[in-house]
Amino acid sequence: MATTTFFDGKRSFADVTISEDNKINTTEFLEAAEGLVSLFDLFGSAAFGVVQKDMSGNIKKIRDAQTANPADSTTLQDIVLSEVSKKQKTATQGLLWLTRGLQFTAVALRKNVESTEEMTDSFTKAYSETLIKFHSIVVRPVFKLAMKATPYREVFYQKLGGGFENVKDKLLAWLTALELIVKIIQEFLETGNYAKGL
């Protein structure tokens, strides 16, 4: 009998539709991002509440734009381009910051699955490589404290679904798809200069 894993019953980033021209389905992306936010519940620490709150707030900005204008919100790129035409940036800002949070998580988990280091080491290194440059000196200590509140590697993978070997395939498919989505969004925002000033 197969062990139930964190990934069961949740939208995986591997299941998010990406068109041939790299447009990302908004609804599927938001569902997968919400699943990622719930991943931090497995950490069992209130310290990660700040990370979850930040990511959830950015998901809400994107979803609000989608709800307000569904015709121009089929893909994430559609939302950004719609905001450009209206001289708005709320959802674009949400997408930028959510993508930064997703990148941080992807880098941390990639470091962890490709080594045997503890979660605190992987997440601390990932924070230094991704988010720290965007955070003020007031915010940095809050996030650094959260990095120290990660569970032990063995405990995390047990909570994820019965140990590393049991979740490895699903985790790697989810993680590889997440990394691709982050790359597509970053390139889109950078190429179009849509995140300027955000």
N, C-alpha and C. Protein backbone atom coordinates (compact mmCIF):
# COMPACT_ATOMS: atom_id res chain seq x y z
N MET A 1 0.84 -1.19 0.00
CA MET A 1 0.00 0.00 0.00
C MET A 1 0.88 1.24 0.00
N ALA A 2 0.61 2.16 -0.91
CA ALA A 2 1.40 3.37 -1.04
C ALA A 2 1.09 4.36 0.08
N THR A 3 2.11 5.01 0.56
CA THR A 3 1.95 6.02 1.59
C THR A 3 1.41 7.30 0.97
N THR A 4 0.47 7.93 1.65
CA THR A 4 -0.05 9.22 1.20
C THR A 4 1.04 10.27 1.37
N THR A 5 1.15 11.14 0.38
CA THR A 5 2.17 12.20 0.46
C THR A 5 1.52 13.57 0.44
N PHE A 6 2.30 14.56 0.75
CA PHE A 6 1.85 15.96 0.71
C PHE A 6 1.29 16.31 -0.66
N PHE A 7 1.83 15.73 -1.70
CA PHE A 7 1.48 16.09 -3.06
C PHE A 7 0.13 15.53 -3.51
N ASP A 8 -0.37 14.52 -2.83
CA ASP A 8 -1.63 13.90 -3.20
C ASP A 8 -2.79 14.87 -2.97
N GLY A 9 -3.62 15.04 -3.99
CA GLY A 9 -4.79 15.90 -3.86
C GLY A 9 -4.51 17.38 -4.01
N LYS A 10 -3.29 17.74 -4.34
CA LYS A 10 -2.94 19.14 -4.56
C LYS A 10 -2.50 19.32 -6.00
N ARG A 11 -2.72 20.50 -6.53
CA ARG A 11 -2.23 20.82 -7.87
C ARG A 11 -0.71 20.89 -7.82
N SER A 12 -0.07 20.12 -8.64
CA SER A 12 1.39 20.16 -8.74
C SER A 12 1.79 21.20 -9.78
N PHE A 13 2.95 21.77 -9.60
CA PHE A 13 3.47 22.67 -10.64
C PHE A 13 3.66 21.89 -11.94
N ALA A 14 3.85 20.58 -11.84
CA ALA A 14 4.00 19.75 -13.04
C ALA A 14 2.69 19.66 -13.83
N ASP A 15 1.57 20.02 -13.19
CA ASP A 15 0.26 19.97 -13.85
C ASP A 15 -0.24 21.34 -14.28
N VAL A 16 0.59 22.35 -14.19
CA VAL A 16 0.21 23.69 -14.64
C VAL A 16 0.45 23.78 -16.14
N THR A 17 -0.58 24.17 -16.86
CA THR A 17 -0.50 24.25 -18.32
C THR A 17 0.39 25.42 -18.74
N ILE A 18 1.36 25.11 -19.58
CA ILE A 18 2.23 26.12 -20.18
C ILE A 18 2.09 25.95 -21.69
N SER A 19 1.65 27.01 -22.37
CA SER A 19 1.44 26.92 -23.81
C SER A 19 2.77 26.86 -24.56
N GLU A 20 2.69 26.61 -25.85
CA GLU A 20 3.91 26.54 -26.66
C GLU A 20 4.69 27.85 -26.64
N ASP A 21 3.98 28.96 -26.44
CA ASP A 21 4.67 30.25 -26.37
C ASP A 21 4.92 30.69 -24.92
N ASN A 22 4.97 29.69 -24.02
CA ASN A 22 5.34 29.88 -22.61
C ASN A 22 4.35 30.69 -21.79
N LYS A 23 3.10 30.71 -22.17
CA LYS A 23 2.09 31.39 -21.35
C LYS A 23 1.59 30.41 -20.30
N ILE A 24 1.48 30.89 -19.07
CA ILE A 24 1.18 30.06 -17.91
C ILE A 24 -0.27 30.26 -17.48
N ASN A 25 -1.03 29.16 -17.40
CA ASN A 25 -2.42 29.22 -16.99
C ASN A 25 -2.53 29.80 -15.58
N THR A 26 -3.32 30.85 -15.44
CA THR A 26 -3.42 31.57 -14.17
C THR A 26 -4.04 30.72 -13.07
N THR A 27 -5.19 30.13 -13.32
CA THR A 27 -5.90 29.37 -12.28
C THR A 27 -5.06 28.22 -11.78
N GLU A 28 -4.48 27.46 -12.69
CA GLU A 28 -3.67 26.31 -12.30
C GLU A 28 -2.42 26.75 -11.53
N PHE A 29 -1.81 27.83 -11.96
CA PHE A 29 -0.63 28.36 -11.28
C PHE A 29 -0.98 28.77 -9.84
N LEU A 30 -2.09 29.48 -9.68
CA LEU A 30 -2.47 29.93 -8.34
C LEU A 30 -2.78 28.75 -7.43
N GLU A 31 -3.41 27.71 -7.97
CA GLU A 31 -3.69 26.52 -7.17
C GLU A 31 -2.38 25.85 -6.73
N ALA A 32 -1.42 25.75 -7.63
CA ALA A 32 -0.13 25.15 -7.29
C ALA A 32 0.61 26.02 -6.27
N ALA A 33 0.54 27.34 -6.43
CA ALA A 33 1.20 28.24 -5.49
C ALA A 33 0.58 28.14 -4.10
N GLU A 34 -0.74 27.99 -4.04
CA GLU A 34 -1.39 27.81 -2.73
C GLU A 34 -0.93 26.50 -2.09
N GLY A 35 -0.74 25.48 -2.90
CA GLY A 35 -0.21 24.22 -2.38
C GLY A 35 1.18 24.41 -1.80
N LEU A 36 2.00 25.20 -2.48
CA LEU A 36 3.35 25.47 -1.97
C LEU A 36 3.28 26.20 -0.64
N VAL A 37 2.38 27.16 -0.51
CA VAL A 37 2.25 27.90 0.75
C VAL A 37 1.92 26.92 1.89
N SER A 38 1.06 25.95 1.60
CA SER A 38 0.70 24.98 2.64
C SER A 38 1.86 24.04 3.00
N LEU A 39 2.85 23.96 2.13
CA LEU A 39 4.05 23.16 2.42
C LEU A 39 4.71 23.64 3.72
N PHE A 40 4.67 24.94 3.95
CA PHE A 40 5.31 25.50 5.14
C PHE A 40 4.60 25.09 6.43
N ASP A 41 3.35 24.61 6.33
CA ASP A 41 2.67 24.07 7.52
C ASP A 41 3.43 22.86 8.07
N LEU A 42 4.08 22.13 7.17
CA LEU A 42 4.83 20.94 7.58
C LEU A 42 6.05 21.30 8.44
N PHE A 43 6.45 22.56 8.39
CA PHE A 43 7.61 22.99 9.16
C PHE A 43 7.28 23.06 10.65
N GLY A 44 5.99 23.19 10.96
CA GLY A 44 5.57 23.18 12.36
C GLY A 44 6.09 24.35 13.16
N SER A 45 6.29 25.48 12.52
CA SER A 45 6.83 26.64 13.23
C SER A 45 6.07 27.90 12.83
N ALA A 46 5.69 28.65 13.83
CA ALA A 46 5.00 29.91 13.57
C ALA A 46 5.92 30.92 12.88
N ALA A 47 7.22 30.70 12.96
CA ALA A 47 8.18 31.62 12.34
C ALA A 47 7.98 31.71 10.83
N PHE A 48 7.49 30.63 10.22
CA PHE A 48 7.27 30.65 8.78
C PHE A 48 5.93 31.30 8.41
N GLY A 49 5.19 31.73 9.41
CA GLY A 49 3.93 32.43 9.15
C GLY A 49 4.15 33.69 8.33
N VAL A 50 5.25 34.38 8.56
CA VAL A 50 5.54 35.61 7.81
C VAL A 50 5.75 35.28 6.33
N VAL A 51 6.39 34.16 6.04
CA VAL A 51 6.62 33.74 4.66
C VAL A 51 5.28 33.39 4.01
N GLN A 52 4.47 32.62 4.73
CA GLN A 52 3.17 32.22 4.21
C GLN A 52 2.27 33.43 3.98
N LYS A 53 2.27 34.35 4.92
CA LYS A 53 1.42 35.54 4.80
C LYS A 53 1.82 36.37 3.58
N ASP A 54 3.11 36.52 3.40
CA ASP A 54 3.61 37.29 2.26
C ASP A 54 3.20 36.64 0.94
N MET A 55 3.42 35.33 0.83
CA MET A 55 3.09 34.63 -0.41
C MET A 55 1.58 34.63 -0.65
N SER A 56 0.80 34.40 0.40
CA SER A 56 -0.67 34.39 0.27
C SER A 56 -1.20 35.77 -0.15
N GLY A 57 -0.60 36.83 0.38
CA GLY A 57 -1.01 38.18 -0.02
C GLY A 57 -0.74 38.44 -1.49
N ASN A 58 0.36 37.91 -2.00
CA ASN A 58 0.68 38.09 -3.41
C ASN A 58 -0.21 37.23 -4.31
N ILE A 59 -0.56 36.05 -3.84
CA ILE A 59 -1.51 35.21 -4.57
C ILE A 59 -2.85 35.95 -4.67
N LYS A 60 -3.27 36.57 -3.57
CA LYS A 60 -4.54 37.32 -3.55
C LYS A 60 -4.53 38.46 -4.55
N LYS A 61 -3.43 39.17 -4.68
CA LYS A 61 -3.35 40.27 -5.65
C LYS A 61 -3.59 39.76 -7.07
N ILE A 62 -3.01 38.63 -7.39
CA ILE A 62 -3.16 38.05 -8.73
C ILE A 62 -4.59 37.54 -8.92
N ARG A 63 -5.12 36.85 -7.90
CA ARG A 63 -6.47 36.32 -8.00
C ARG A 63 -7.50 37.46 -8.08
N ASP A 64 -7.30 38.54 -7.36
CA ASP A 64 -8.21 39.68 -7.43
C ASP A 64 -8.25 40.26 -8.84
N ALA A 65 -7.10 40.34 -9.48
CA ALA A 65 -7.05 40.83 -10.87
C ALA A 65 -7.78 39.87 -11.80
N GLN A 66 -7.60 38.58 -11.55
CA GLN A 66 -8.27 37.57 -12.37
C GLN A 66 -9.79 37.65 -12.20
N THR A 67 -10.23 37.80 -10.96
CA THR A 67 -11.67 37.87 -10.67
C THR A 67 -12.28 39.14 -11.27
N ALA A 68 -11.55 40.25 -11.18
CA ALA A 68 -12.06 41.52 -11.69
C ALA A 68 -12.14 41.56 -13.21
N ASN A 69 -11.27 40.81 -13.88
CA ASN A 69 -11.22 40.87 -15.33
C ASN A 69 -10.86 39.49 -15.91
N PRO A 70 -11.79 38.53 -15.80
CA PRO A 70 -11.46 37.16 -16.23
C PRO A 70 -11.09 37.04 -17.71
N ALA A 71 -11.64 37.89 -18.55
CA ALA A 71 -11.36 37.79 -19.99
C ALA A 71 -9.90 38.08 -20.31
N ASP A 72 -9.26 38.92 -19.49
CA ASP A 72 -7.86 39.26 -19.72
C ASP A 72 -6.94 38.59 -18.71
N SER A 73 -7.37 37.44 -18.19
CA SER A 73 -6.61 36.81 -17.11
C SER A 73 -6.39 35.32 -17.30
N THR A 74 -6.52 34.83 -18.50
CA THR A 74 -6.35 33.40 -18.74
C THR A 74 -4.95 32.94 -18.36
N THR A 75 -3.96 33.77 -18.71
CA THR A 75 -2.58 33.44 -18.36
C THR A 75 -2.01 34.56 -17.49
N LEU A 76 -0.92 34.24 -16.81
CA LEU A 76 -0.24 35.25 -16.00
C LEU A 76 0.23 36.40 -16.87
N GLN A 77 0.72 36.07 -18.05
CA GLN A 77 1.20 37.10 -18.96
C GLN A 77 0.06 38.02 -19.40
N ASP A 78 -1.14 37.46 -19.59
CA ASP A 78 -2.31 38.27 -19.95
C ASP A 78 -2.60 39.30 -18.87
N ILE A 79 -2.51 38.88 -17.61
CA ILE A 79 -2.78 39.79 -16.49
C ILE A 79 -1.79 40.95 -16.51
N VAL A 80 -0.51 40.65 -16.66
CA VAL A 80 0.52 41.69 -16.67
C VAL A 80 0.29 42.65 -17.84
N LEU A 81 0.05 42.12 -19.01
CA LEU A 81 -0.16 42.97 -20.19
C LEU A 81 -1.43 43.80 -20.06
N SER A 82 -2.45 43.26 -19.43
CA SER A 82 -3.68 44.01 -19.19
C SER A 82 -3.40 45.16 -18.23
N GLU A 83 -2.61 44.90 -17.21
CA GLU A 83 -2.26 45.98 -16.28
C GLU A 83 -1.42 47.05 -16.96
N VAL A 84 -0.52 46.65 -17.83
CA VAL A 84 0.30 47.63 -18.55
C VAL A 84 -0.61 48.57 -19.34
N SER A 85 -1.60 48.01 -20.01
CA SER A 85 -2.50 48.83 -20.84
C SER A 85 -3.35 49.77 -19.99
N LYS A 86 -3.57 49.40 -18.72
CA LYS A 86 -4.38 50.22 -17.81
C LYS A 86 -3.53 51.06 -16.87
N LYS A 87 -2.22 50.97 -17.05
CA LYS A 87 -1.27 51.68 -16.19
C LYS A 87 -1.47 51.32 -14.71
N GLN A 88 -1.65 50.01 -14.48
CA GLN A 88 -1.78 49.46 -13.13
C GLN A 88 -0.62 48.49 -12.91
N LYS A 89 -0.33 48.21 -11.64
CA LYS A 89 0.77 47.28 -11.36
C LYS A 89 0.53 46.40 -10.14
N THR A 90 -0.68 46.38 -9.61
CA THR A 90 -0.93 45.64 -8.37
C THR A 90 -0.67 44.14 -8.54
N ALA A 91 -1.29 43.52 -9.54
CA ALA A 91 -1.10 42.08 -9.77
C ALA A 91 0.31 41.80 -10.26
N THR A 92 0.87 42.72 -11.04
CA THR A 92 2.24 42.54 -11.52
C THR A 92 3.21 42.53 -10.34
N GLN A 93 2.98 43.44 -9.41
CA GLN A 93 3.81 43.46 -8.20
C GLN A 93 3.62 42.16 -7.41
N GLY A 94 2.38 41.70 -7.30
CA GLY A 94 2.12 40.44 -6.61
C GLY A 94 2.83 39.28 -7.28
N LEU A 95 2.80 39.25 -8.62
CA LEU A 95 3.46 38.18 -9.37
C LEU A 95 4.98 38.25 -9.17
N LEU A 96 5.53 39.44 -9.20
CA LEU A 96 6.98 39.59 -9.00
C LEU A 96 7.40 39.04 -7.64
N TRP A 97 6.72 39.47 -6.59
CA TRP A 97 7.10 39.05 -5.24
C TRP A 97 6.77 37.59 -4.99
N LEU A 98 5.67 37.11 -5.54
CA LEU A 98 5.36 35.68 -5.40
C LEU A 98 6.44 34.85 -6.09
N THR A 99 6.85 35.29 -7.26
CA THR A 99 7.89 34.57 -8.00
C THR A 99 9.20 34.55 -7.23
N ARG A 100 9.51 35.64 -6.57
CA ARG A 100 10.72 35.67 -5.73
C ARG A 100 10.61 34.64 -4.60
N GLY A 101 9.43 34.56 -3.99
CA GLY A 101 9.22 33.58 -2.93
C GLY A 101 9.27 32.15 -3.45
N LEU A 102 8.73 31.95 -4.63
CA LEU A 102 8.77 30.62 -5.25
C LEU A 102 10.21 30.24 -5.60
N GLN A 103 10.96 31.21 -6.10
CA GLN A 103 12.36 30.94 -6.43
C GLN A 103 13.14 30.58 -5.17
N PHE A 104 12.94 31.32 -4.11
CA PHE A 104 13.59 31.02 -2.83
C PHE A 104 13.30 29.59 -2.41
N THR A 105 12.04 29.20 -2.45
CA THR A 105 11.65 27.85 -2.04
C THR A 105 12.27 26.80 -2.96
N ALA A 106 12.24 27.06 -4.26
CA ALA A 106 12.81 26.11 -5.23
C ALA A 106 14.31 25.94 -5.01
N VAL A 107 15.01 27.04 -4.81
CA VAL A 107 16.47 26.96 -4.58
C VAL A 107 16.76 26.18 -3.30
N ALA A 108 15.99 26.46 -2.24
CA ALA A 108 16.21 25.78 -0.96
C ALA A 108 15.98 24.28 -1.10
N LEU A 109 14.88 23.91 -1.72
CA LEU A 109 14.57 22.48 -1.86
C LEU A 109 15.54 21.78 -2.80
N ARG A 110 15.95 22.46 -3.88
CA ARG A 110 16.93 21.86 -4.79
C ARG A 110 18.24 21.59 -4.04
N LYS A 111 18.68 22.56 -3.25
CA LYS A 111 19.90 22.38 -2.47
C LYS A 111 19.76 21.18 -1.54
N ASN A 112 18.57 21.04 -0.97
CA ASN A 112 18.38 19.97 -0.01
C ASN A 112 18.29 18.60 -0.66
N VAL A 113 17.60 18.48 -1.78
CA VAL A 113 17.48 17.16 -2.40
C VAL A 113 18.78 16.70 -3.04
N GLU A 114 19.65 17.64 -3.36
CA GLU A 114 20.92 17.28 -3.99
C GLU A 114 22.06 17.15 -2.98
N SER A 115 21.72 17.13 -1.71
CA SER A 115 22.74 16.99 -0.66
C SER A 115 22.12 16.22 0.49
N THR A 116 22.85 16.16 1.56
CA THR A 116 22.31 15.56 2.78
C THR A 116 22.28 16.59 3.91
N GLU A 117 22.44 17.86 3.54
CA GLU A 117 22.48 18.90 4.57
C GLU A 117 21.10 19.10 5.20
N GLU A 118 21.11 19.69 6.36
CA GLU A 118 19.87 19.96 7.07
C GLU A 118 19.10 21.09 6.38
N MET A 119 17.80 21.12 6.64
CA MET A 119 16.92 22.10 6.01
C MET A 119 17.35 23.54 6.35
N THR A 120 17.75 23.77 7.58
CA THR A 120 18.15 25.12 7.97
C THR A 120 19.31 25.62 7.12
N ASP A 121 20.24 24.73 6.78
CA ASP A 121 21.37 25.13 5.93
C ASP A 121 20.90 25.45 4.51
N SER A 122 20.06 24.58 3.96
CA SER A 122 19.55 24.78 2.60
C SER A 122 18.75 26.08 2.50
N PHE A 123 17.88 26.31 3.47
CA PHE A 123 17.02 27.49 3.41
C PHE A 123 17.80 28.77 3.70
N THR A 124 18.77 28.71 4.59
CA THR A 124 19.60 29.89 4.87
C THR A 124 20.41 30.27 3.64
N LYS A 125 21.01 29.29 2.98
CA LYS A 125 21.77 29.57 1.75
C LYS A 125 20.86 30.12 0.66
N ALA A 126 19.69 29.52 0.50
CA ALA A 126 18.75 29.98 -0.53
C ALA A 126 18.30 31.42 -0.26
N TYR A 127 18.06 31.75 1.01
CA TYR A 127 17.66 33.11 1.35
C TYR A 127 18.77 34.10 0.96
N SER A 128 20.01 33.75 1.26
CA SER A 128 21.14 34.61 0.92
C SER A 128 21.30 34.78 -0.59
N GLU A 129 20.93 33.75 -1.35
CA GLU A 129 21.08 33.81 -2.81
C GLU A 129 19.89 34.45 -3.53
N THR A 130 18.75 34.53 -2.87
CA THR A 130 17.55 34.99 -3.58
C THR A 130 16.90 36.22 -2.97
N LEU A 131 16.34 36.12 -1.80
CA LEU A 131 15.50 37.18 -1.26
C LEU A 131 16.22 38.29 -0.51
N ILE A 132 17.35 37.98 0.09
CA ILE A 132 17.99 38.95 0.99
C ILE A 132 18.23 40.30 0.31
N LYS A 133 18.58 40.28 -0.95
CA LYS A 133 18.89 41.55 -1.65
C LYS A 133 17.66 42.45 -1.84
N PHE A 134 16.47 41.86 -1.68
CA PHE A 134 15.24 42.64 -1.86
C PHE A 134 14.65 43.08 -0.53
N HIS A 135 15.19 42.60 0.58
CA HIS A 135 14.65 42.89 1.90
C HIS A 135 15.43 43.99 2.60
N SER A 136 14.70 44.79 3.35
CA SER A 136 15.33 45.86 4.12
C SER A 136 16.02 45.27 5.35
N ILE A 137 16.83 46.08 5.99
CA ILE A 137 17.54 45.61 7.19
C ILE A 137 16.56 45.32 8.33
N VAL A 138 15.34 45.82 8.24
CA VAL A 138 14.32 45.54 9.24
C VAL A 138 13.71 44.15 9.02
N VAL A 139 13.52 43.78 7.76
CA VAL A 139 12.87 42.51 7.41
C VAL A 139 13.83 41.33 7.48
N ARG A 140 15.08 41.56 7.16
CA ARG A 140 16.06 40.46 7.11
C ARG A 140 16.11 39.61 8.37
N PRO A 141 16.16 40.21 9.57
CA PRO A 141 16.23 39.37 10.78
C PRO A 141 15.00 38.47 10.96
N VAL A 142 13.84 38.94 10.53
CA VAL A 142 12.62 38.14 10.63
C VAL A 142 12.75 36.90 9.77
N PHE A 143 13.22 37.07 8.54
CA PHE A 143 13.37 35.94 7.63
C PHE A 143 14.53 35.03 8.06
N LYS A 144 15.59 35.62 8.56
CA LYS A 144 16.71 34.79 9.03
C LYS A 144 16.30 33.92 10.21
N LEU A 145 15.46 34.46 11.08
CA LEU A 145 14.93 33.68 12.19
C LEU A 145 14.08 32.52 11.66
N ALA A 146 13.27 32.80 10.66
CA ALA A 146 12.44 31.74 10.08
C ALA A 146 13.30 30.61 9.50
N MET A 147 14.43 30.96 8.90
CA MET A 147 15.31 29.94 8.32
C MET A 147 15.83 28.99 9.39
N LYS A 148 15.99 29.51 10.59
CA LYS A 148 16.49 28.68 11.70
C LYS A 148 15.37 27.80 12.27
N ALA A 149 14.12 28.07 11.90
CA ALA A 149 12.98 27.33 12.44
C ALA A 149 12.53 26.18 11.54
N THR A 150 13.34 25.85 10.54
CA THR A 150 12.99 24.72 9.68
C THR A 150 13.18 23.41 10.45
N PRO A 151 12.43 22.40 10.09
CA PRO A 151 12.58 21.11 10.79
C PRO A 151 13.85 20.38 10.35
N TYR A 152 14.19 19.35 11.10
CA TYR A 152 15.28 18.49 10.66
C TYR A 152 14.88 17.84 9.34
N ARG A 153 15.87 17.58 8.52
CA ARG A 153 15.65 16.98 7.21
C ARG A 153 14.79 15.71 7.30
N GLU A 154 15.17 14.80 8.18
CA GLU A 154 14.45 13.53 8.30
C GLU A 154 12.99 13.75 8.69
N VAL A 155 12.75 14.67 9.61
CA VAL A 155 11.39 14.98 10.06
C VAL A 155 10.57 15.56 8.91
N PHE A 156 11.17 16.48 8.15
CA PHE A 156 10.47 17.11 7.03
C PHE A 156 10.02 16.07 6.00
N TYR A 157 10.94 15.20 5.61
CA TYR A 157 10.60 14.22 4.58
C TYR A 157 9.60 13.17 5.09
N GLN A 158 9.62 12.89 6.38
CA GLN A 158 8.59 12.02 6.94
C GLN A 158 7.22 12.69 6.84
N LYS A 159 7.16 13.96 7.20
CA LYS A 159 5.90 14.70 7.11
C LYS A 159 5.45 14.86 5.66
N LEU A 160 6.41 14.99 4.76
CA LEU A 160 6.09 15.15 3.34
C LEU A 160 5.46 13.87 2.79
N GLY A 161 5.80 12.74 3.40
CA GLY A 161 5.17 11.51 2.93
C GLY A 161 5.98 10.25 3.11
N GLY A 162 6.40 9.97 4.33
CA GLY A 162 7.01 8.69 4.60
C GLY A 162 8.49 8.58 4.30
N GLY A 163 9.18 9.69 4.23
CA GLY A 163 10.62 9.67 4.01
C GLY A 163 11.02 10.08 2.60
N PHE A 164 12.28 10.46 2.47
CA PHE A 164 12.78 11.01 1.21
C PHE A 164 12.57 10.06 0.03
N GLU A 165 12.94 8.81 0.19
CA GLU A 165 12.83 7.87 -0.93
C GLU A 165 11.39 7.70 -1.39
N ASN A 166 10.45 7.81 -0.48
CA ASN A 166 9.04 7.64 -0.82
C ASN A 166 8.49 8.83 -1.61
N VAL A 167 8.98 10.04 -1.34
CA VAL A 167 8.45 11.24 -2.00
C VAL A 167 9.36 11.77 -3.11
N LYS A 168 10.52 11.17 -3.24
CA LYS A 168 11.54 11.70 -4.15
C LYS A 168 11.02 11.97 -5.57
N ASP A 169 10.36 11.01 -6.18
CA ASP A 169 9.90 11.19 -7.57
C ASP A 169 8.89 12.31 -7.71
N LYS A 170 7.90 12.33 -6.80
CA LYS A 170 6.88 13.39 -6.87
C LYS A 170 7.50 14.75 -6.57
N LEU A 171 8.39 14.78 -5.59
CA LEU A 171 9.05 16.04 -5.23
C LEU A 171 9.89 16.56 -6.39
N LEU A 172 10.65 15.70 -7.03
CA LEU A 172 11.50 16.15 -8.14
C LEU A 172 10.68 16.62 -9.33
N ALA A 173 9.57 15.96 -9.64
CA ALA A 173 8.70 16.42 -10.73
C ALA A 173 8.11 17.78 -10.40
N TRP A 174 7.64 17.94 -9.17
CA TRP A 174 7.06 19.20 -8.69
C TRP A 174 8.11 20.31 -8.73
N LEU A 175 9.30 20.01 -8.21
CA LEU A 175 10.38 20.99 -8.11
C LEU A 175 10.89 21.40 -9.48
N THR A 176 11.09 20.45 -10.38
CA THR A 176 11.58 20.77 -11.73
C THR A 176 10.58 21.66 -12.47
N ALA A 177 9.29 21.36 -12.31
CA ALA A 177 8.25 22.18 -12.95
C ALA A 177 8.21 23.58 -12.32
N LEU A 178 8.36 23.65 -11.01
CA LEU A 178 8.41 24.95 -10.33
C LEU A 178 9.57 25.79 -10.85
N GLU A 179 10.73 25.19 -10.97
CA GLU A 179 11.91 25.91 -11.46
C GLU A 179 11.68 26.45 -12.88
N LEU A 180 11.04 25.66 -13.73
CA LEU A 180 10.74 26.11 -15.10
C LEU A 180 9.78 27.28 -15.09
N ILE A 181 8.74 27.19 -14.28
CA ILE A 181 7.75 28.27 -14.20
C ILE A 181 8.39 29.55 -13.70
N VAL A 182 9.20 29.45 -12.66
CA VAL A 182 9.90 30.63 -12.13
C VAL A 182 10.77 31.25 -13.23
N LYS A 183 11.48 30.43 -13.96
CA LYS A 183 12.35 30.93 -15.04
C LYS A 183 11.54 31.65 -16.12
N ILE A 184 10.41 31.08 -16.52
CA ILE A 184 9.56 31.69 -17.55
C ILE A 184 9.04 33.04 -17.08
N ILE A 185 8.55 33.10 -15.84
CA ILE A 185 8.01 34.36 -15.31
C ILE A 185 9.11 35.41 -15.21
N GLN A 186 10.26 35.04 -14.67
CA GLN A 186 11.35 36.00 -14.54
C GLN A 186 11.78 36.55 -15.89
N GLU A 187 11.92 35.68 -16.87
CA GLU A 187 12.32 36.13 -18.20
C GLU A 187 11.27 37.05 -18.82
N PHE A 188 9.99 36.72 -18.64
CA PHE A 188 8.91 37.55 -19.16
C PHE A 188 8.94 38.93 -18.52
N LEU A 189 9.03 38.99 -17.20
CA LEU A 189 9.04 40.28 -16.51
C LEU A 189 10.26 41.10 -16.89
N GLU A 190 11.42 40.44 -17.00
CA GLU A 190 12.65 41.15 -17.33
C GLU A 190 12.66 41.63 -18.78
N THR A 191 12.28 40.76 -19.71
CA THR A 191 12.30 41.11 -21.11
C THR A 191 11.39 42.30 -21.42
N GLY A 192 10.20 42.29 -20.80
CA GLY A 192 9.27 43.38 -21.03
C GLY A 192 9.47 44.56 -20.10
N ASN A 193 10.41 44.45 -19.18
CA ASN A 193 10.68 45.50 -18.20
C ASN A 193 9.42 45.84 -17.39
N TYR A 194 8.58 44.80 -17.16
CA TYR A 194 7.29 45.02 -16.51
C TYR A 194 7.40 45.23 -15.02
N ALA A 195 8.48 44.81 -14.40
CA ALA A 195 8.64 44.92 -12.96
C ALA A 195 9.43 46.15 -12.55
N LYS A 196 9.74 47.00 -13.49
CA LYS A 196 10.54 48.19 -13.20
C LYS A 196 9.86 49.03 -12.11
N GLY A 197 10.64 49.37 -11.12
CA GLY A 197 10.13 50.22 -10.03
C GLY A 197 9.32 49.49 -8.99
N LEU A 198 9.23 48.17 -9.11
CA LEU A 198 8.43 47.42 -8.13
C LEU A 198 9.37 46.80 -7.10
